[in-house]
C-alpha atoms as a PDB file:
ATOM      1  CA  MET A   1       0.000   0.000   0.000  1.00  0.00           C
ATOM      2  CA  SER A   2       1.209   3.456  -0.823  1.00  0.00           C
ATOM      3  CA  ASN A   3       0.695   6.438   1.455  1.00  0.00           C
ATOM      4  CA  GLY A   4       1.009   8.812  -1.495  1.00  0.00           C
ATOM      5  CA  ALA A   5       4.570   9.893  -0.621  1.00  0.00           C
ATOM      6  CA  PRO A   6       7.234   9.473  -3.302  1.00  0.00           C
ATOM      7  CA  PRO A   7       9.667   6.610  -2.663  1.00  0.00           C
ATOM      8  CA  GLN A   8      12.735   7.598  -0.640  1.00  0.00           C
ATOM      9  CA  LEU A   9      15.851   7.259  -2.795  1.00  0.00           C
ATOM     10  CA  PRO A  10      19.031   5.978  -1.185  1.00  0.00           C
ATOM     11  CA  GLU A  11      21.555   8.664  -0.367  1.00  0.00           C
ATOM     12  CA  GLY A  12      25.167   8.091  -1.189  1.00  0.00           C
ATOM     13  CA  PRO A  13      27.857   7.550   1.393  1.00  0.00           C
ATOM     14  CA  PRO A  14      29.554  10.669   2.745  1.00  0.00           C
ATOM     15  CA  ALA A  15      32.625  12.028   0.966  1.00  0.00           C
ATOM     16  CA  GLU A  16      35.505  10.887   3.171  1.00  0.00           C
ATOM     17  CA  VAL A  17      38.416  13.181   4.003  1.00  0.00           C
ATOM     18  CA  TYR A  18      41.227  11.575   6.004  1.00  0.00           C
ATOM     19  CA  ILE A  19      43.187  13.957   8.251  1.00  0.00           C
ATOM     20  CA  TYR A  20      46.653  12.887   9.354  1.00  0.00           C
ATOM     21  CA  VAL A  21      48.253  14.558  12.383  1.00  0.00           C
ATOM     22  CA  LEU A  22      51.999  14.236  11.919  1.00  0.00           C
ATOM     23  CA  PRO A  23      54.297  14.666  14.939  1.00  0.00           C
ATOM     24  CA  PRO A  24      57.233  17.060  14.900  1.00  0.00           C
ATOM     25  CA  ALA A  25      60.244  15.689  13.076  1.00  0.00           C
ATOM     26  CA  SER A  26      63.740  16.468  14.405  1.00  0.00           C
ATOM     27  CA  GLY A  27      62.659  19.324  16.678  1.00  0.00           C
ATOM     28  CA  GLY A  28      60.370  20.815  14.017  1.00  0.00           C
ATOM     29  CA  CYS A  29      56.674  21.585  14.150  1.00  0.00           C
ATOM     30  CA  HIS A  30      53.585  19.442  13.887  1.00  0.00           C
ATOM     31  CA  SER A  31      52.071  19.180  10.448  1.00  0.00           C
ATOM     32  CA  LEU A  32      48.816  18.042   8.910  1.00  0.00           C
ATOM     33  CA  GLY A  33      48.116  15.998   5.851  1.00  0.00           C
ATOM     34  CA  CYS A  34      44.799  15.096   4.328  1.00  0.00           C
ATOM     35  CA  TYR A  35      43.539  12.926   1.534  1.00  0.00           C
ATOM     36  CA  PRO A  36      42.009  13.829  -0.786  1.00  0.00           C
ATOM     37  CA  ARG A  37      43.290  17.373  -0.868  1.00  0.00           C
ATOM     38  CA  ARG A  38      43.310  18.761  -4.421  1.00  0.00           C
ATOM     39  CA  LYS A  39      40.526  20.827  -5.918  1.00  0.00           C
ATOM     40  CA  GLY A  40      37.983  18.564  -7.570  1.00  0.00           C
ATOM     41  CA  ASP A  41      38.866  15.483  -5.513  1.00  0.00           C
ATOM     42  CA  THR A  42      36.166  15.934  -2.842  1.00  0.00           C
ATOM     43  CA  LYS A  43      32.593  16.566  -3.971  1.00  0.00           C
ATOM     44  CA  ILE A  44      29.279  16.692  -2.208  1.00  0.00           C
ATOM     45  CA  TYR A  45      26.116  17.408  -4.120  1.00  0.00           C
ATOM     46  CA  PHE A  46      23.324  19.888  -3.460  1.00  0.00           C
ATOM     47  CA  THR A  47      19.784  19.359  -4.752  1.00  0.00           C
ATOM     48  CA  ARG A  48      17.534  22.388  -4.901  1.00  0.00           C
ATOM     49  CA  PRO A  49      14.012  22.112  -3.457  1.00  0.00           C
ATOM     50  CA  GLY A  50      11.596  20.562  -5.943  1.00  0.00           C
ATOM     51  CA  CYS A  51      14.319  18.686  -7.824  1.00  0.00           C
ATOM     52  CA  GLN A  52      14.953  14.942  -7.658  1.00  0.00           C
ATOM     53  CA  PRO A  53      18.408  14.003  -6.270  1.00  0.00           C
ATOM     54  CA  THR A  54      20.577  11.507  -8.116  1.00  0.00           C
ATOM     55  CA  PRO A  55      20.819   8.333  -5.990  1.00  0.00           C
ATOM     56  CA  GLY A  56      24.228   7.371  -4.639  1.00  0.00           C
ATOM     57  CA  ARG A  57      25.846  10.821  -4.605  1.00  0.00           C
ATOM     58  CA  ALA A  58      27.538  12.128  -1.465  1.00  0.00           C
ATOM     59  CA  ARG A  59      25.580  14.839   0.354  1.00  0.00           C
ATOM     60  CA  GLU A  60      27.923  15.487   3.292  1.00  0.00           C
ATOM     61  CA  VAL A  61      31.574  15.265   4.312  1.00  0.00           C
ATOM     62  CA  MET A  62      33.008  12.810   6.828  1.00  0.00           C
ATOM     63  CA  TRP A  63      36.322  13.958   8.316  1.00  0.00           C
ATOM     64  CA  ILE A  64      38.308  11.023   9.730  1.00  0.00           C
ATOM     65  CA  PRO A  65      41.270  11.896  11.982  1.00  0.00           C
ATOM     66  CA  SER A  66      44.390   9.814  12.506  1.00  0.00           C
ATOM     67  CA  GLY A  67      47.219  10.476  14.972  1.00  0.00           C
ATOM     68  CA  LEU A  68      45.285  12.933  17.150  1.00  0.00           C
ATOM     69  CA  LEU A  69      46.728  12.717  20.690  1.00  0.00           C
ATOM     70  CA  PRO A  70      44.951  13.338  24.001  1.00  0.00           C
ATOM     71  CA  GLY A  71      44.766  17.086  24.611  1.00  0.00           C
ATOM     72  CA  GLN A  72      44.826  17.877  20.903  1.00  0.00           C
ATOM     73  CA  ALA A  73      41.836  18.973  18.841  1.00  0.00           C
ATOM     74  CA  LEU A  74      41.043  19.659  15.219  1.00  0.00           C
ATOM     75  CA  LEU A  75      38.908  22.646  14.335  1.00  0.00           C
ATOM     76  CA  ILE A  76      37.267  22.744  10.909  1.00  0.00           C
ATOM     77  CA  GLN A  77      35.993  26.136   9.819  1.00  0.00           C
ATOM     78  CA  GLU A  78      35.215  28.098   6.702  1.00  0.00           C
ATOM     79  CA  LYS A  79      37.986  30.384   5.456  1.00  0.00           C
ATOM     80  CA  ILE A  80      37.128  34.044   5.135  1.00  0.00           C
ATOM     81  CA  THR A  81      38.754  33.941   1.695  1.00  0.00           C
ATOM     82  CA  SER A  82      36.579  31.041   0.482  1.00  0.00           C
ATOM     83  CA  PRO A  83      35.059  31.894  -2.912  1.00  0.00           C
ATOM     84  CA  SER A  84      31.808  30.334  -1.699  1.00  0.00           C
ATOM     85  CA  ARG A  85      30.598  30.771   1.871  1.00  0.00           C
ATOM     86  CA  GLY A  86      27.758  29.793   4.179  1.00  0.00           C
ATOM     87  CA  HIS A  87      27.234  26.197   3.056  1.00  0.00           C
ATOM     88  CA  PHE A  88      27.385  24.508   6.457  1.00  0.00           C
ATOM     89  CA  PRO A  89      25.535  25.530   9.613  1.00  0.00           C
ATOM     90  CA  GLY A  90      27.006  24.530  12.955  1.00  0.00           C
ATOM     91  CA  GLN A  91      30.570  25.640  12.283  1.00  0.00           C
ATOM     92  CA  PRO A  92      33.195  25.449  13.474  1.00  0.00           C
ATOM     93  CA  PHE A  93      33.279  21.673  13.648  1.00  0.00           C
ATOM     94  CA  ARG A  94      35.481  20.235  16.402  1.00  0.00           C
ATOM     95  CA  ILE A  95      37.134  16.816  16.550  1.00  0.00           C
ATOM     96  CA  LEU A  96      38.702  15.677  19.825  1.00  0.00           C
ATOM     97  CA  ALA A  97      41.135  12.813  20.417  1.00  0.00           C
ATOM     98  CA  GLY A  98      39.168   9.571  20.551  1.00  0.00           C
ATOM     99  CA  GLN A  99      36.438  10.724  18.148  1.00  0.00           C
ATOM    100  CA  PRO A 100      36.447   8.412  15.139  1.00  0.00           C
ATOM    101  CA  PHE A 101      34.950  10.973  12.711  1.00  0.00           C
ATOM    102  CA  LYS A 102      32.904  14.146  12.280  1.00  0.00           C
ATOM    103  CA  LEU A 103      30.065  14.627   9.795  1.00  0.00           C
ATOM    104  CA  SER A 104      29.353  18.006   8.212  1.00  0.00           C
ATOM    105  CA  GLY A 105      25.680  17.372   7.600  1.00  0.00           C
ATOM    106  CA  PRO A 106      24.230  18.270   4.206  1.00  0.00           C
ATOM    107  CA  ALA A 107      25.098  21.574   2.578  1.00  0.00           C
ATOM    108  CA  PHE A 108      22.697  24.312   3.621  1.00  0.00           C
ATOM    109  CA  LYS A 109      22.848  25.953   0.211  1.00  0.00           C
ATOM    110  CA  GLY A 110      24.165  25.243  -3.260  1.00  0.00           C
ATOM    111  CA  PRO A 111      26.126  27.211  -5.814  1.00  0.00           C
ATOM    112  CA  GLN A 112      25.127  30.851  -6.133  1.00  0.00           C
ATOM    113  CA  HIS A 113      26.457  31.322  -9.676  1.00  0.00           C
ATOM    114  CA  GLY A 114      26.939  28.556 -12.213  1.00  0.00           C
ATOM    115  CA  ARG A 115      26.606  24.819 -11.633  1.00  0.00           C
ATOM    116  CA  ASP A 116      29.137  24.383  -8.838  1.00  0.00           C
ATOM    117  CA  SER A 117      30.983  26.197  -6.099  1.00  0.00           C
ATOM    118  CA  THR A 118      34.165  25.652  -4.134  1.00  0.00           C
ATOM    119  CA  TRP A 119      34.084  25.739  -0.351  1.00  0.00           C
ATOM    120  CA  VAL A 120      37.543  26.360   1.128  1.00  0.00           C
ATOM    121  CA  TYR A 121      37.989  25.587   4.790  1.00  0.00           C
ATOM    122  CA  GLU A 122      40.762  25.336   7.353  1.00  0.00           C
ATOM    123  CA  ILE A 123      41.747  22.356   9.418  1.00  0.00           C
ATOM    124  CA  ILE A 124      43.485  23.690  12.531  1.00  0.00           C
ATOM    125  CA  LEU A 125      45.391  21.445  14.934  1.00  0.00           C
ATOM    126  CA  SER A 126      45.697  22.860  18.446  1.00  0.00           C
ATOM    127  CA  ASP A 127      46.408  21.943  22.034  1.00  0.00           C
ATOM    128  CA  ALA A 128      46.603  23.881  25.313  1.00  0.00           C
ATOM    129  CA  SER A 129      49.658  25.777  24.017  1.00  0.00           C
ATOM    130  CA  GLY A 130      47.835  27.099  20.921  1.00  0.00           C
ATOM    131  CA  VAL A 131      47.782  26.403  17.188  1.00  0.00           C
ATOM    132  CA  LEU A 132      50.186  23.661  16.098  1.00  0.00           C
ATOM    133  CA  ALA A 133      49.418  23.349  12.361  1.00  0.00           C
ATOM    134  CA  ARG A 134      46.964  24.428   9.630  1.00  0.00           C
ATOM    135  CA  LEU A 135      45.804  23.099   6.294  1.00  0.00           C
ATOM    136  CA  ASP A 136      43.246  24.497   3.823  1.00  0.00           C
ATOM    137  CA  PRO A 137      41.730  21.945   1.423  1.00  0.00           C
ATOM    138  CA  PRO A 138      38.714  22.662  -0.846  1.00  0.00           C
ATOM    139  CA  ILE A 139      35.388  20.881  -1.301  1.00  0.00           C
ATOM    140  CA  ASP A 140      33.420  21.176  -4.537  1.00  0.00           C
ATOM    141  CA  ILE A 141      29.650  21.523  -4.218  1.00  0.00           C
ATOM    142  CA  PRO A 142      27.961  21.001  -7.598  1.00  0.00           C
ATOM    143  CA  ASP A 143      24.235  21.219  -8.239  1.00  0.00           C
ATOM    144  CA  ASP A 144      22.457  17.885  -8.610  1.00  0.00           C
ATOM    145  CA  PRO A 145      20.762  17.275 -10.954  1.00  0.00           C
END
C-alpha cells in the first residue's frame, strides 16, 4: 500500500576526508596531511528544493582523523577567503582525540552562480599551548541534478 509519498531514494555515502596529524620531526613543528586534498577530488552534491536528487551521490563530508593525541583537537571552519561561503551551519566543527569521525551534515545551500561552487575551509590542529598546524583543502559543491 502506498501512502502517497514518493519513494525515498538511497543517499550516497559521505565524501571521506582523512586527516593525518603528523608529529614534529627532528625538533620541528607538527604538520597536517589530508587525503584527498586537491581541488575537484572531494565533492558533495546539493539538490535544490523541488528537484529529484541523483541516488548514490555524497551529500555530506566525513572527516576522519588519525594520529590525534589526548589534549589535541582539530577545528574545521570556513575560510574568510573562500570563494563560496555559508554552506554549512554549525561551524566550526570540532574533533577531539578519541572521536572516530565528524560529519558536516548536508550543505545548507548550493552554488550561487553557475553549476558548482568551491568551499575552502581550514583544518586547525591545536592543544593547550595554541595552534600547532593548519591546512586548507577545498570541497566542490555542484548542483544535482
